[in-house]
Amino acid sequence: MYAVEDIVENEEVLDVAKILQGHRIKNIDSLYIASTINAGADYFLTTDAGILKKGMLVQRIRITDPIGFISEVLP
């Protein structure tokens, strides 16, 4: 599913981003992930090795790479 709405920076996004920064996720990356969570997405796709390494620390969304995503959702 593609994005169907724009997410505006708000208190909830900033709060989640601060939690993610506590896991040593970079500021801009934490905002991307927090916005994705706020939008209600199930997955955050990336090829960034640093984010993928820390992805298991994020409970509210599945962080994976595109190949991992395809292997999970296709039979």
N, C-alpha and C. Protein backbone atom coordinates (compact mmCIF):
# COMPACT_ATOMS: atom_id res chain seq x y z
N MET A 1 0.85 -1.18 0.00
CA MET A 1 0.00 0.00 0.00
C MET A 1 0.89 1.24 0.00
N TYR A 2 0.54 2.20 -0.78
CA TYR A 2 1.29 3.43 -0.85
C TYR A 2 0.73 4.44 0.16
N ALA A 3 1.53 5.46 0.47
CA ALA A 3 1.09 6.50 1.39
C ALA A 3 -0.17 7.17 0.84
N VAL A 4 -1.11 7.39 1.73
CA VAL A 4 -2.36 8.02 1.31
C VAL A 4 -2.61 9.33 2.05
N GLU A 5 -1.70 9.71 2.93
CA GLU A 5 -1.86 10.96 3.64
C GLU A 5 -0.49 11.54 3.99
N ASP A 6 -0.45 12.83 4.14
CA ASP A 6 0.77 13.49 4.59
C ASP A 6 0.76 13.54 6.10
N ILE A 7 1.90 13.26 6.70
CA ILE A 7 2.03 13.33 8.15
C ILE A 7 2.73 14.63 8.51
N VAL A 8 2.09 15.40 9.35
CA VAL A 8 2.64 16.67 9.80
C VAL A 8 3.31 16.44 11.15
N GLU A 9 4.45 17.06 11.32
CA GLU A 9 5.15 16.94 12.61
C GLU A 9 4.19 17.36 13.73
N ASN A 10 4.08 16.49 14.73
CA ASN A 10 3.23 16.79 15.86
C ASN A 10 3.87 16.22 17.13
N GLU A 11 3.24 16.43 18.25
CA GLU A 11 3.80 16.02 19.54
C GLU A 11 4.04 14.52 19.61
N GLU A 12 3.10 13.72 19.10
CA GLU A 12 3.26 12.27 19.14
C GLU A 12 4.46 11.81 18.30
N VAL A 13 4.60 12.38 17.11
CA VAL A 13 5.73 12.03 16.24
C VAL A 13 7.04 12.39 16.93
N LEU A 14 7.09 13.57 17.53
CA LEU A 14 8.32 14.01 18.22
C LEU A 14 8.63 13.13 19.43
N ASP A 15 7.60 12.73 20.16
CA ASP A 15 7.82 11.86 21.33
C ASP A 15 8.38 10.50 20.91
N VAL A 16 7.80 9.92 19.86
CA VAL A 16 8.29 8.63 19.38
C VAL A 16 9.72 8.78 18.84
N ALA A 17 9.98 9.87 18.13
CA ALA A 17 11.32 10.12 17.59
C ALA A 17 12.35 10.20 18.72
N LYS A 18 11.99 10.83 19.82
CA LYS A 18 12.92 10.93 20.97
C LYS A 18 13.22 9.55 21.55
N ILE A 19 12.21 8.70 21.61
CA ILE A 19 12.42 7.32 22.10
C ILE A 19 13.38 6.59 21.16
N LEU A 20 13.17 6.74 19.86
CA LEU A 20 14.03 6.08 18.89
C LEU A 20 15.46 6.61 18.96
N GLN A 21 15.61 7.90 19.21
CA GLN A 21 16.94 8.47 19.37
C GLN A 21 17.65 7.87 20.57
N GLY A 22 16.88 7.47 21.57
CA GLY A 22 17.44 6.80 22.73
C GLY A 22 18.05 5.44 22.38
N HIS A 23 17.62 4.87 21.23
CA HIS A 23 18.20 3.62 20.72
C HIS A 23 19.36 3.91 19.77
N ARG A 24 19.80 5.16 19.77
CA ARG A 24 20.93 5.61 18.94
C ARG A 24 20.60 5.60 17.45
N ILE A 25 19.34 5.83 17.14
CA ILE A 25 18.94 6.02 15.75
C ILE A 25 19.07 7.50 15.46
N LYS A 26 19.69 7.83 14.34
CA LYS A 26 19.95 9.24 13.98
C LYS A 26 18.66 10.07 13.99
N ASN A 27 18.82 11.37 14.26
CA ASN A 27 17.67 12.27 14.38
C ASN A 27 16.73 12.20 13.18
N ILE A 28 17.27 12.38 11.98
CA ILE A 28 16.39 12.40 10.80
C ILE A 28 15.75 11.04 10.57
N ASP A 29 16.50 9.97 10.79
CA ASP A 29 15.94 8.63 10.64
C ASP A 29 14.84 8.37 11.66
N SER A 30 15.03 8.85 12.87
CA SER A 30 14.01 8.65 13.90
C SER A 30 12.72 9.39 13.54
N LEU A 31 12.84 10.54 12.90
CA LEU A 31 11.64 11.27 12.45
C LEU A 31 10.93 10.51 11.32
N TYR A 32 11.71 9.94 10.39
CA TYR A 32 11.11 9.15 9.31
C TYR A 32 10.33 7.97 9.90
N ILE A 33 10.96 7.24 10.80
CA ILE A 33 10.33 6.06 11.39
C ILE A 33 9.12 6.45 12.23
N ALA A 34 9.26 7.50 13.04
CA ALA A 34 8.15 7.96 13.88
C ALA A 34 6.96 8.40 13.03
N SER A 35 7.23 9.05 11.92
CA SER A 35 6.16 9.47 11.01
C SER A 35 5.46 8.27 10.39
N THR A 36 6.25 7.26 10.07
CA THR A 36 5.69 6.04 9.50
C THR A 36 4.80 5.32 10.51
N ILE A 37 5.25 5.28 11.75
CA ILE A 37 4.44 4.69 12.83
C ILE A 37 3.15 5.48 13.00
N ASN A 38 3.27 6.80 13.02
CA ASN A 38 2.11 7.67 13.20
C ASN A 38 1.09 7.49 12.07
N ALA A 39 1.57 7.16 10.87
CA ALA A 39 0.68 6.96 9.73
C ALA A 39 -0.02 5.61 9.78
N GLY A 40 0.42 4.73 10.70
CA GLY A 40 -0.23 3.44 10.84
C GLY A 40 0.32 2.36 9.92
N ALA A 41 1.52 2.58 9.39
CA ALA A 41 2.12 1.58 8.50
C ALA A 41 2.54 0.35 9.28
N ASP A 42 2.57 -0.77 8.61
CA ASP A 42 3.03 -2.02 9.22
C ASP A 42 4.53 -2.23 9.03
N TYR A 43 5.07 -1.64 7.94
CA TYR A 43 6.48 -1.84 7.60
C TYR A 43 7.17 -0.51 7.34
N PHE A 44 8.47 -0.48 7.64
CA PHE A 44 9.36 0.61 7.23
C PHE A 44 10.47 -0.06 6.45
N LEU A 45 10.55 0.25 5.15
CA LEU A 45 11.55 -0.38 4.29
C LEU A 45 12.75 0.53 4.13
N THR A 46 13.93 -0.07 4.23
CA THR A 46 15.17 0.68 4.09
C THR A 46 16.29 -0.25 3.68
N THR A 47 17.33 0.33 3.11
CA THR A 47 18.55 -0.42 2.83
C THR A 47 19.69 0.07 3.72
N ASP A 48 19.37 0.96 4.64
CA ASP A 48 20.36 1.52 5.57
C ASP A 48 20.74 0.46 6.61
N ALA A 49 21.98 0.00 6.55
CA ALA A 49 22.44 -1.07 7.45
C ALA A 49 22.31 -0.69 8.92
N GLY A 50 22.56 0.58 9.25
CA GLY A 50 22.46 1.03 10.63
C GLY A 50 21.05 0.92 11.18
N ILE A 51 20.08 1.33 10.37
CA ILE A 51 18.68 1.23 10.79
C ILE A 51 18.25 -0.23 10.88
N LEU A 52 18.64 -1.03 9.90
CA LEU A 52 18.27 -2.44 9.91
C LEU A 52 18.81 -3.14 11.14
N LYS A 53 20.03 -2.80 11.55
CA LYS A 53 20.63 -3.40 12.73
C LYS A 53 19.84 -3.09 13.99
N LYS A 54 19.34 -1.86 14.08
CA LYS A 54 18.61 -1.41 15.27
C LYS A 54 17.11 -1.64 15.14
N GLY A 55 16.67 -2.13 14.00
CA GLY A 55 15.24 -2.30 13.73
C GLY A 55 14.53 -3.20 14.71
N MET A 56 15.23 -4.20 15.24
CA MET A 56 14.58 -5.12 16.18
C MET A 56 14.26 -4.43 17.51
N LEU A 57 14.85 -3.27 17.76
CA LEU A 57 14.57 -2.53 18.99
C LEU A 57 13.25 -1.77 18.91
N VAL A 58 12.73 -1.60 17.70
CA VAL A 58 11.50 -0.84 17.48
C VAL A 58 10.34 -1.82 17.48
N GLN A 59 9.43 -1.65 18.43
CA GLN A 59 8.34 -2.62 18.63
C GLN A 59 7.09 -2.32 17.81
N ARG A 60 6.87 -1.09 17.44
CA ARG A 60 5.58 -0.71 16.87
C ARG A 60 5.49 -0.83 15.35
N ILE A 61 6.59 -1.23 14.71
CA ILE A 61 6.61 -1.35 13.26
C ILE A 61 7.69 -2.36 12.88
N ARG A 62 7.51 -3.03 11.78
CA ARG A 62 8.51 -3.99 11.31
C ARG A 62 9.45 -3.25 10.38
N ILE A 63 10.73 -3.21 10.72
CA ILE A 63 11.75 -2.57 9.89
C ILE A 63 12.51 -3.67 9.17
N THR A 64 12.53 -3.58 7.84
CA THR A 64 13.19 -4.59 7.03
C THR A 64 13.66 -3.98 5.72
N ASP A 65 14.42 -4.75 4.97
CA ASP A 65 14.84 -4.29 3.65
C ASP A 65 13.83 -4.75 2.60
N PRO A 66 13.92 -4.20 1.39
CA PRO A 66 12.92 -4.56 0.37
C PRO A 66 12.88 -6.07 0.07
N ILE A 67 14.02 -6.73 0.03
CA ILE A 67 14.05 -8.16 -0.26
C ILE A 67 13.38 -8.94 0.88
N GLY A 68 13.69 -8.56 2.12
CA GLY A 68 13.06 -9.21 3.27
C GLY A 68 11.55 -9.00 3.26
N PHE A 69 11.13 -7.82 2.88
CA PHE A 69 9.69 -7.52 2.80
C PHE A 69 9.01 -8.43 1.78
N ILE A 70 9.59 -8.52 0.60
CA ILE A 70 9.00 -9.34 -0.45
C ILE A 70 8.91 -10.80 0.00
N SER A 71 9.96 -11.29 0.64
CA SER A 71 9.93 -12.68 1.07
C SER A 71 8.91 -12.92 2.19
N GLU A 72 8.58 -11.88 2.96
CA GLU A 72 7.58 -12.01 4.02
C GLU A 72 6.15 -11.97 3.49
N VAL A 73 5.90 -11.12 2.51
CA VAL A 73 4.51 -10.90 2.09
C VAL A 73 4.08 -11.74 0.89
N LEU A 74 5.03 -12.27 0.14
CA LEU A 74 4.65 -13.12 -0.99
C LEU A 74 4.78 -14.59 -0.59
N PRO A 75 3.83 -15.39 -1.02
CA PRO A 75 3.88 -16.83 -0.67
C PRO A 75 5.03 -17.56 -1.36
